[in-house]
Amino acid sequence: MREDRTALRKRVLKAGQVEFGGGAIDCTVRNLSDTGAALSVESPVGIPAEFNLVIVSDNVNRRCRVVWRKDNRIGITFA
């Protein structure tokens, strides 16, 4: 498999929130790097192409752009 990531991602298991339009959807951060992450969500339906990712435990609030979607997983890059 070809690796297109610019930074190595670290496997994590952190609670997060996808925030957009005044609302939020819970997610699980599955891997994380300085440039992006992979998220697990109940359903990717309705999640826009750009949103804020909040990880309260790490005091993180980053603007994101969706790079890929597959089943209940979303790959993002930080804006």
C-alpha atoms as a PDB file:
ATOM      1  CA  MET A   1       0.000   0.000   0.000  1.00  0.00           C
ATOM      2  CA  ARG A   2       1.258   3.500  -0.883  1.00  0.00           C
ATOM      3  CA  GLU A   3       1.700   5.921   2.022  1.00  0.00           C
ATOM      4  CA  ASP A   4       0.729   9.523   1.160  1.00  0.00           C
ATOM      5  CA  ARG A   5       0.873  11.029   4.638  1.00  0.00           C
ATOM      6  CA  THR A   6       3.408  13.780   5.286  1.00  0.00           C
ATOM      7  CA  ALA A   7       3.733  12.916   8.998  1.00  0.00           C
ATOM      8  CA  LEU A   8       3.720   9.625  10.896  1.00  0.00           C
ATOM      9  CA  ARG A   9       0.510   9.077  12.826  1.00  0.00           C
ATOM     10  CA  LYS A  10       0.448   7.766  16.384  1.00  0.00           C
ATOM     11  CA  ARG A  11      -2.262   5.281  17.358  1.00  0.00           C
ATOM     12  CA  VAL A  12      -4.475   6.745  20.081  1.00  0.00           C
ATOM     13  CA  LEU A  13      -7.910   6.178  21.556  1.00  0.00           C
ATOM     14  CA  LYS A  14      -9.287   9.557  22.632  1.00  0.00           C
ATOM     15  CA  ALA A  15     -12.782  10.961  22.967  1.00  0.00           C
ATOM     16  CA  GLY A  16     -13.430  13.905  20.675  1.00  0.00           C
ATOM     17  CA  GLN A  17     -16.154  16.006  19.136  1.00  0.00           C
ATOM     18  CA  VAL A  18     -16.797  17.092  15.575  1.00  0.00           C
ATOM     19  CA  GLU A  19     -18.172  20.636  15.901  1.00  0.00           C
ATOM     20  CA  PHE A  20     -19.981  22.465  13.089  1.00  0.00           C
ATOM     21  CA  GLY A  21     -22.971  24.756  12.662  1.00  0.00           C
ATOM     22  CA  GLY A  22     -23.499  25.247  16.387  1.00  0.00           C
ATOM     23  CA  GLY A  23     -23.760  21.491  17.092  1.00  0.00           C
ATOM     24  CA  ALA A  24     -21.425  18.626  17.894  1.00  0.00           C
ATOM     25  CA  ILE A  25     -21.117  14.913  17.141  1.00  0.00           C
ATOM     26  CA  ASP A  26     -19.112  12.595  19.382  1.00  0.00           C
ATOM     27  CA  CYS A  27     -16.191  10.773  17.803  1.00  0.00           C
ATOM     28  CA  THR A  28     -13.208   8.653  18.739  1.00  0.00           C
ATOM     29  CA  VAL A  29      -9.772   9.773  17.582  1.00  0.00           C
ATOM     30  CA  ARG A  30      -8.047   6.579  16.363  1.00  0.00           C
ATOM     31  CA  ASN A  31      -4.729   7.998  15.189  1.00  0.00           C
ATOM     32  CA  LEU A  32      -3.180  11.436  15.313  1.00  0.00           C
ATOM     33  CA  SER A  33      -0.253  13.419  13.914  1.00  0.00           C
ATOM     34  CA  ASP A  34       0.755  17.054  13.584  1.00  0.00           C
ATOM     35  CA  THR A  35      -0.987  17.172  10.197  1.00  0.00           C
ATOM     36  CA  GLY A  36      -4.157  15.096  10.611  1.00  0.00           C
ATOM     37  CA  ALA A  37      -6.076  12.241  12.182  1.00  0.00           C
ATOM     38  CA  ALA A  38      -8.483   9.364  11.633  1.00  0.00           C
ATOM     39  CA  LEU A  39     -11.813   9.519  13.432  1.00  0.00           C
ATOM     40  CA  SER A  40     -14.482   6.921  14.155  1.00  0.00           C
ATOM     41  CA  VAL A  41     -18.056   8.234  14.175  1.00  0.00           C
ATOM     42  CA  GLU A  42     -21.464   6.634  14.626  1.00  0.00           C
ATOM     43  CA  SER A  43     -22.364   7.790  11.112  1.00  0.00           C
ATOM     44  CA  PRO A  44     -20.502  10.131   8.757  1.00  0.00           C
ATOM     45  CA  VAL A  45     -23.804  11.267   7.208  1.00  0.00           C
ATOM     46  CA  GLY A  46     -24.264  15.011   7.653  1.00  0.00           C
ATOM     47  CA  ILE A  47     -20.681  15.746   8.652  1.00  0.00           C
ATOM     48  CA  PRO A  48     -19.499  18.614   6.421  1.00  0.00           C
ATOM     49  CA  ALA A  49     -16.219  18.779   4.492  1.00  0.00           C
ATOM     50  CA  GLU A  50     -14.807  21.252   7.060  1.00  0.00           C
ATOM     51  CA  PHE A  51     -15.343  21.367  10.822  1.00  0.00           C
ATOM     52  CA  ASN A  52     -13.562  21.834  14.161  1.00  0.00           C
ATOM     53  CA  LEU A  53     -12.147  18.822  15.993  1.00  0.00           C
ATOM     54  CA  VAL A  54     -12.224  19.203  19.780  1.00  0.00           C
ATOM     55  CA  ILE A  55     -10.272  16.885  22.091  1.00  0.00           C
ATOM     56  CA  VAL A  56     -11.047  18.176  25.593  1.00  0.00           C
ATOM     57  CA  SER A  57      -8.501  15.947  27.380  1.00  0.00           C
ATOM     58  CA  ASP A  58      -5.665  17.495  25.325  1.00  0.00           C
ATOM     59  CA  ASN A  59      -7.108  21.038  25.173  1.00  0.00           C
ATOM     60  CA  VAL A  60      -7.242  20.761  21.348  1.00  0.00           C
ATOM     61  CA  ASN A  61      -9.572  22.726  19.069  1.00  0.00           C
ATOM     62  CA  ARG A  62      -8.398  22.519  15.436  1.00  0.00           C
ATOM     63  CA  ARG A  63      -9.998  23.387  12.109  1.00  0.00           C
ATOM     64  CA  CYS A  64     -10.122  20.291   9.867  1.00  0.00           C
ATOM     65  CA  ARG A  65     -10.853  19.268   6.307  1.00  0.00           C
ATOM     66  CA  VAL A  66     -12.100  15.787   5.370  1.00  0.00           C
ATOM     67  CA  VAL A  67      -9.682  13.889   3.102  1.00  0.00           C
ATOM     68  CA  TRP A  68     -11.510  10.542   2.950  1.00  0.00           C
ATOM     69  CA  ARG A  69     -14.607   8.761   4.273  1.00  0.00           C
ATOM     70  CA  LYS A  70     -15.105   5.010   4.613  1.00  0.00           C
ATOM     71  CA  ASP A  71     -17.963   3.368   6.511  1.00  0.00           C
ATOM     72  CA  ASN A  72     -17.791   4.912  10.014  1.00  0.00           C
ATOM     73  CA  ARG A  73     -14.283   6.360   9.652  1.00  0.00           C
ATOM     74  CA  ILE A  74     -13.161   9.793   8.481  1.00  0.00           C
ATOM     75  CA  GLY A  75      -9.639  10.870   7.587  1.00  0.00           C
ATOM     76  CA  ILE A  76      -8.901  14.535   8.200  1.00  0.00           C
ATOM     77  CA  THR A  77      -6.124  17.024   7.660  1.00  0.00           C
ATOM     78  CA  PHE A  78      -5.666  20.039   9.889  1.00  0.00           C
ATOM     79  CA  ALA A  79      -6.240  23.383   8.172  1.00  0.00           C
END
